[in-house]
Amino acid sequence: MEEPLALHPVKLYVYDLSKGMARRLSHLMLGKQLDGIWHTSIIVHKDEFFYSSGGISSCAPGGTLLGPPDTVVDLGNTEVTEEIFLEYLSSLGESAFRGESYNLFEHNCNTFSNEVAQFLTGKKIPSYITDLPSEVLATPFGQALRPLLDSIQVQPLGGNTVSRHNGQS
């Protein structure tokens, strides 16, 4: 008789990088209401995993300088073992999610969280998060700010880079 595979909970941590300023000022500045400027990460196997201009990193849940998340979304469970998951992350870090590939609008922490969520659970992260960049860029102010915003490198402090070399998350 085969042993059943263990199920591991998968959560999405959602942080508002604007700390409430987007909710208060977005309508005035963009002509459109935004509830936040979202940074996300995936929590699985007792660690928090995120992508920034420094590449893929991990830390204890809530262990970056961002502190505790504003929202936690339960994405379900995965049968993917920690070993397989770390191999997958290492592969992503050497290909699609290298630090130099980071782009605030097109290839960011939310792109990473969405890809990893689908790998682990088959589910996407909420569209209000993944649609935010296109919503901002659809406004005249967003278009005017794009050159400045494209130059911004986001890297929440407090994580450790995930790589094949250190063998740990």
C-alpha atoms as a PDB file:
ATOM      1  CA  MET A   1       0.000   0.000   0.000  1.00  0.00           C
ATOM      2  CA  GLU A   2       1.390   3.401  -1.024  1.00  0.00           C
ATOM      3  CA  GLU A   3       1.677   6.209   1.487  1.00  0.00           C
ATOM      4  CA  PRO A   4      -0.486   9.210   0.593  1.00  0.00           C
ATOM      5  CA  LEU A   5       1.414  12.319  -0.419  1.00  0.00           C
ATOM      6  CA  ALA A   6       1.648  15.016   2.217  1.00  0.00           C
ATOM      7  CA  LEU A   7      -0.284  18.201   1.555  1.00  0.00           C
ATOM      8  CA  HIS A   8       1.463  21.511   2.222  1.00  0.00           C
ATOM      9  CA  PRO A   9      -0.527  24.750   2.628  1.00  0.00           C
ATOM     10  CA  VAL A  10       0.197  27.521   0.130  1.00  0.00           C
ATOM     11  CA  LYS A  11      -0.541  31.135   1.006  1.00  0.00           C
ATOM     12  CA  LEU A  12      -0.131  34.453  -0.785  1.00  0.00           C
ATOM     13  CA  TYR A  13       1.102  37.358   1.319  1.00  0.00           C
ATOM     14  CA  VAL A  14      -0.080  40.717  -0.041  1.00  0.00           C
ATOM     15  CA  TYR A  15       1.632  43.932   1.033  1.00  0.00           C
ATOM     16  CA  ASP A  16       0.584  47.482   0.140  1.00  0.00           C
ATOM     17  CA  LEU A  17       3.885  49.201  -0.631  1.00  0.00           C
ATOM     18  CA  SER A  18       2.128  52.582  -0.480  1.00  0.00           C
ATOM     19  CA  LYS A  19       0.989  51.970   3.120  1.00  0.00           C
ATOM     20  CA  GLY A  20      -2.479  53.333   2.284  1.00  0.00           C
ATOM     21  CA  MET A  21      -1.342  56.310   0.183  1.00  0.00           C
ATOM     22  CA  ALA A  22      -2.584  54.742  -3.075  1.00  0.00           C
ATOM     23  CA  ARG A  23      -6.088  54.471  -1.641  1.00  0.00           C
ATOM     24  CA  ARG A  24      -6.020  58.133  -0.588  1.00  0.00           C
ATOM     25  CA  LEU A  25      -4.275  59.743  -3.565  1.00  0.00           C
ATOM     26  CA  SER A  26      -4.766  57.523  -6.628  1.00  0.00           C
ATOM     27  CA  HIS A  27      -8.070  59.022  -7.729  1.00  0.00           C
ATOM     28  CA  LEU A  28      -6.609  62.528  -7.566  1.00  0.00           C
ATOM     29  CA  MET A  29      -3.396  61.570  -9.384  1.00  0.00           C
ATOM     30  CA  LEU A  30      -4.602  58.906 -11.827  1.00  0.00           C
ATOM     31  CA  GLY A  31      -8.306  59.647 -12.140  1.00  0.00           C
ATOM     32  CA  LYS A  32      -8.867  56.059 -10.999  1.00  0.00           C
ATOM     33  CA  GLN A  33      -9.178  54.481  -7.576  1.00  0.00           C
ATOM     34  CA  LEU A  34      -6.447  52.053  -6.533  1.00  0.00           C
ATOM     35  CA  ASP A  35      -6.616  50.215  -3.235  1.00  0.00           C
ATOM     36  CA  GLY A  36      -2.852  49.681  -3.007  1.00  0.00           C
ATOM     37  CA  ILE A  37       0.462  49.181  -4.755  1.00  0.00           C
ATOM     38  CA  TRP A  38       0.878  45.437  -4.320  1.00  0.00           C
ATOM     39  CA  HIS A  39       3.935  43.370  -3.489  1.00  0.00           C
ATOM     40  CA  THR A  40       3.262  39.650  -3.132  1.00  0.00           C
ATOM     41  CA  SER A  41       5.087  36.558  -2.006  1.00  0.00           C
ATOM     42  CA  ILE A  42       4.340  32.860  -1.694  1.00  0.00           C
ATOM     43  CA  ILE A  43       4.401  31.064   1.652  1.00  0.00           C
ATOM     44  CA  VAL A  44       5.055  27.328   1.432  1.00  0.00           C
ATOM     45  CA  HIS A  45       7.215  24.842   3.344  1.00  0.00           C
ATOM     46  CA  LYS A  46       7.439  27.284   6.298  1.00  0.00           C
ATOM     47  CA  ASP A  47       9.186  30.026   4.263  1.00  0.00           C
ATOM     48  CA  GLU A  48       8.225  33.172   2.351  1.00  0.00           C
ATOM     49  CA  PHE A  49       9.484  33.328  -1.258  1.00  0.00           C
ATOM     50  CA  PHE A  50       9.535  36.501  -3.356  1.00  0.00           C
ATOM     51  CA  TYR A  51      11.115  38.044  -6.444  1.00  0.00           C
ATOM     52  CA  SER A  52      12.807  41.419  -6.695  1.00  0.00           C
ATOM     53  CA  SER A  53      15.643  43.119  -8.525  1.00  0.00           C
ATOM     54  CA  GLY A  54      17.915  40.917  -6.396  1.00  0.00           C
ATOM     55  CA  GLY A  55      16.411  37.722  -7.841  1.00  0.00           C
ATOM     56  CA  ILE A  56      14.424  35.092  -5.948  1.00  0.00           C
ATOM     57  CA  SER A  57      14.752  35.326  -2.170  1.00  0.00           C
ATOM     58  CA  SER A  58      13.309  33.661   0.902  1.00  0.00           C
ATOM     59  CA  CYS A  59      12.881  34.445   4.566  1.00  0.00           C
ATOM     60  CA  ALA A  60      10.760  33.455   7.521  1.00  0.00           C
ATOM     61  CA  PRO A  61       7.126  34.487   6.902  1.00  0.00           C
ATOM     62  CA  GLY A  62       6.821  38.234   7.487  1.00  0.00           C
ATOM     63  CA  GLY A  63      10.616  38.444   7.797  1.00  0.00           C
ATOM     64  CA  THR A  64      11.304  41.282   5.356  1.00  0.00           C
ATOM     65  CA  LEU A  65      11.335  44.943   6.386  1.00  0.00           C
ATOM     66  CA  LEU A  66       7.765  45.085   5.072  1.00  0.00           C
ATOM     67  CA  GLY A  67       6.734  43.290   8.272  1.00  0.00           C
ATOM     68  CA  PRO A  68       3.435  41.434   8.453  1.00  0.00           C
ATOM     69  CA  PRO A  69       1.321  41.295   5.272  1.00  0.00           C
ATOM     70  CA  ASP A  70      -1.770  43.452   4.801  1.00  0.00           C
ATOM     71  CA  THR A  71      -3.713  40.439   3.507  1.00  0.00           C
ATOM     72  CA  VAL A  72      -3.189  36.679   3.440  1.00  0.00           C
ATOM     73  CA  VAL A  73      -4.870  34.710   0.640  1.00  0.00           C
ATOM     74  CA  ASP A  74      -5.212  30.948   1.065  1.00  0.00           C
ATOM     75  CA  LEU A  75      -4.312  29.416  -2.311  1.00  0.00           C
ATOM     76  CA  GLY A  76      -4.952  25.822  -1.227  1.00  0.00           C
ATOM     77  CA  ASN A  77      -2.512  22.947  -0.809  1.00  0.00           C
ATOM     78  CA  THR A  78       0.269  21.373  -2.823  1.00  0.00           C
ATOM     79  CA  GLU A  79       1.768  17.905  -2.982  1.00  0.00           C
ATOM     80  CA  VAL A  80       5.065  19.360  -4.257  1.00  0.00           C
ATOM     81  CA  THR A  81       7.829  18.460  -1.823  1.00  0.00           C
ATOM     82  CA  GLU A  82      10.250  21.055  -0.488  1.00  0.00           C
ATOM     83  CA  GLU A  83      13.123  19.441  -2.393  1.00  0.00           C
ATOM     84  CA  ILE A  84      11.289  19.576  -5.740  1.00  0.00           C
ATOM     85  CA  PHE A  85      10.086  23.108  -5.012  1.00  0.00           C
ATOM     86  CA  LEU A  86      13.610  24.371  -4.282  1.00  0.00           C
ATOM     87  CA  GLU A  87      14.870  22.759  -7.508  1.00  0.00           C
ATOM     88  CA  TYR A  88      12.041  24.491  -9.385  1.00  0.00           C
ATOM     89  CA  LEU A  89      12.918  27.854  -7.788  1.00  0.00           C
ATOM     90  CA  SER A  90      16.587  27.379  -8.594  1.00  0.00           C
ATOM     91  CA  SER A  91      15.684  26.726 -12.223  1.00  0.00           C
ATOM     92  CA  LEU A  92      13.473  29.836 -12.329  1.00  0.00           C
ATOM     93  CA  GLY A  93      16.257  31.893 -10.739  1.00  0.00           C
ATOM     94  CA  GLU A  94      18.657  30.822 -13.479  1.00  0.00           C
ATOM     95  CA  SER A  95      16.204  31.547 -16.299  1.00  0.00           C
ATOM     96  CA  ALA A  96      13.037  33.654 -16.252  1.00  0.00           C
ATOM     97  CA  PHE A  97      13.456  35.208 -12.787  1.00  0.00           C
ATOM     98  CA  ARG A  98      17.054  36.425 -12.673  1.00  0.00           C
ATOM     99  CA  GLY A  99      17.465  39.749 -10.857  1.00  0.00           C
ATOM    100  CA  GLU A 100      18.358  41.609 -14.041  1.00  0.00           C
ATOM    101  CA  SER A 101      15.057  40.460 -15.619  1.00  0.00           C
ATOM    102  CA  TYR A 102      13.022  42.376 -13.026  1.00  0.00           C
ATOM    103  CA  ASN A 103      10.721  45.070 -14.431  1.00  0.00           C
ATOM    104  CA  LEU A 104       8.281  46.990 -12.263  1.00  0.00           C
ATOM    105  CA  PHE A 105       5.453  46.735 -14.812  1.00  0.00           C
ATOM    106  CA  GLU A 106       5.968  43.571 -16.846  1.00  0.00           C
ATOM    107  CA  HIS A 107       8.042  41.108 -14.805  1.00  0.00           C
ATOM    108  CA  ASN A 108       7.795  41.681 -11.068  1.00  0.00           C
ATOM    109  CA  CYS A 109       7.036  40.041  -7.719  1.00  0.00           C
ATOM    110  CA  ASN A 110       3.411  39.518  -8.732  1.00  0.00           C
ATOM    111  CA  THR A 111       4.416  37.810 -12.000  1.00  0.00           C
ATOM    112  CA  PHE A 112       6.595  35.497  -9.902  1.00  0.00           C
ATOM    113  CA  SER A 113       3.885  34.810  -7.305  1.00  0.00           C
ATOM    114  CA  ASN A 114       1.372  34.058 -10.055  1.00  0.00           C
ATOM    115  CA  GLU A 115       3.730  31.613 -11.800  1.00  0.00           C
ATOM    116  CA  VAL A 116       4.683  29.843  -8.557  1.00  0.00           C
ATOM    117  CA  ALA A 117       1.047  29.665  -7.378  1.00  0.00           C
ATOM    118  CA  GLN A 118       0.083  27.949 -10.629  1.00  0.00           C
ATOM    119  CA  PHE A 119       2.991  25.504 -10.328  1.00  0.00           C
ATOM    120  CA  LEU A 120       2.059  24.607  -6.745  1.00  0.00           C
ATOM    121  CA  THR A 121      -1.752  24.686  -6.833  1.00  0.00           C
ATOM    122  CA  GLY A 122      -2.921  25.192 -10.412  1.00  0.00           C
ATOM    123  CA  LYS A 123      -4.515  28.488  -9.302  1.00  0.00           C
ATOM    124  CA  LYS A 124      -3.654  32.053 -10.271  1.00  0.00           C
ATOM    125  CA  ILE A 125      -3.311  34.884  -7.782  1.00  0.00           C
ATOM    126  CA  PRO A 126      -6.174  37.459  -7.711  1.00  0.00           C
ATOM    127  CA  SER A 127      -6.487  39.545 -10.893  1.00  0.00           C
ATOM    128  CA  TYR A 128      -6.771  42.835  -8.960  1.00  0.00           C
ATOM    129  CA  ILE A 129      -3.056  42.288  -8.238  1.00  0.00           C
ATOM    130  CA  THR A 130      -1.856  41.132 -11.662  1.00  0.00           C
ATOM    131  CA  ASP A 131      -3.937  43.750 -13.532  1.00  0.00           C
ATOM    132  CA  LEU A 132      -2.611  46.724 -11.535  1.00  0.00           C
ATOM    133  CA  PRO A 133       0.345  47.649 -13.797  1.00  0.00           C
ATOM    134  CA  SER A 134      -1.806  47.818 -16.943  1.00  0.00           C
ATOM    135  CA  GLU A 135      -4.435  49.841 -15.059  1.00  0.00           C
ATOM    136  CA  VAL A 136      -1.816  52.408 -14.011  1.00  0.00           C
ATOM    137  CA  LEU A 137      -0.242  52.551 -17.477  1.00  0.00           C
ATOM    138  CA  ALA A 138      -3.674  53.103 -19.054  1.00  0.00           C
ATOM    139  CA  THR A 139      -3.828  56.531 -17.398  1.00  0.00           C
ATOM    140  CA  PRO A 140      -2.128  59.672 -18.757  1.00  0.00           C
ATOM    141  CA  PHE A 141      -0.292  60.164 -15.449  1.00  0.00           C
ATOM    142  CA  GLY A 142       0.884  56.537 -15.498  1.00  0.00           C
ATOM    143  CA  GLN A 143       2.257  57.015 -19.018  1.00  0.00           C
ATOM    144  CA  ALA A 144       4.008  60.234 -17.971  1.00  0.00           C
ATOM    145  CA  LEU A 145       5.579  58.515 -14.950  1.00  0.00           C
ATOM    146  CA  ARG A 146       6.586  55.339 -16.787  1.00  0.00           C
ATOM    147  CA  PRO A 147      10.211  56.364 -17.553  1.00  0.00           C
ATOM    148  CA  LEU A 148      10.781  57.144 -13.855  1.00  0.00           C
ATOM    149  CA  LEU A 149       8.947  54.048 -12.629  1.00  0.00           C
ATOM    150  CA  ASP A 150      10.802  51.782 -15.078  1.00  0.00           C
ATOM    151  CA  SER A 151      14.070  52.787 -13.400  1.00  0.00           C
ATOM    152  CA  ILE A 152      12.905  51.758  -9.920  1.00  0.00           C
ATOM    153  CA  GLN A 153      14.417  48.566  -8.529  1.00  0.00           C
ATOM    154  CA  VAL A 154      12.342  46.971  -5.770  1.00  0.00           C
ATOM    155  CA  GLN A 155      14.175  44.756  -3.303  1.00  0.00           C
ATOM    156  CA  PRO A 156      12.554  44.184   0.106  1.00  0.00           C
ATOM    157  CA  LEU A 157      15.356  43.800   2.618  1.00  0.00           C
ATOM    158  CA  GLY A 158      15.475  40.812   4.921  1.00  0.00           C
ATOM    159  CA  GLY A 159      15.551  37.827   2.580  1.00  0.00           C
ATOM    160  CA  ASN A 160      18.209  35.373   1.477  1.00  0.00           C
ATOM    161  CA  THR A 161      18.825  34.723  -2.202  1.00  0.00           C
ATOM    162  CA  VAL A 162      17.620  31.304  -3.322  1.00  0.00           C
ATOM    163  CA  SER A 163      20.228  29.478  -5.384  1.00  0.00           C
ATOM    164  CA  ARG A 164      21.447  26.002  -6.178  1.00  0.00           C
ATOM    165  CA  HIS A 165      24.783  26.825  -4.524  1.00  0.00           C
ATOM    166  CA  ASN A 166      23.676  27.393  -0.947  1.00  0.00           C
ATOM    167  CA  GLY A 167      21.356  24.387  -0.965  1.00  0.00           C
ATOM    168  CA  GLN A 168      19.044  26.067   1.547  1.00  0.00           C
ATOM    169  CA  SER A 169      16.130  28.423   1.280  1.00  0.00           C
END
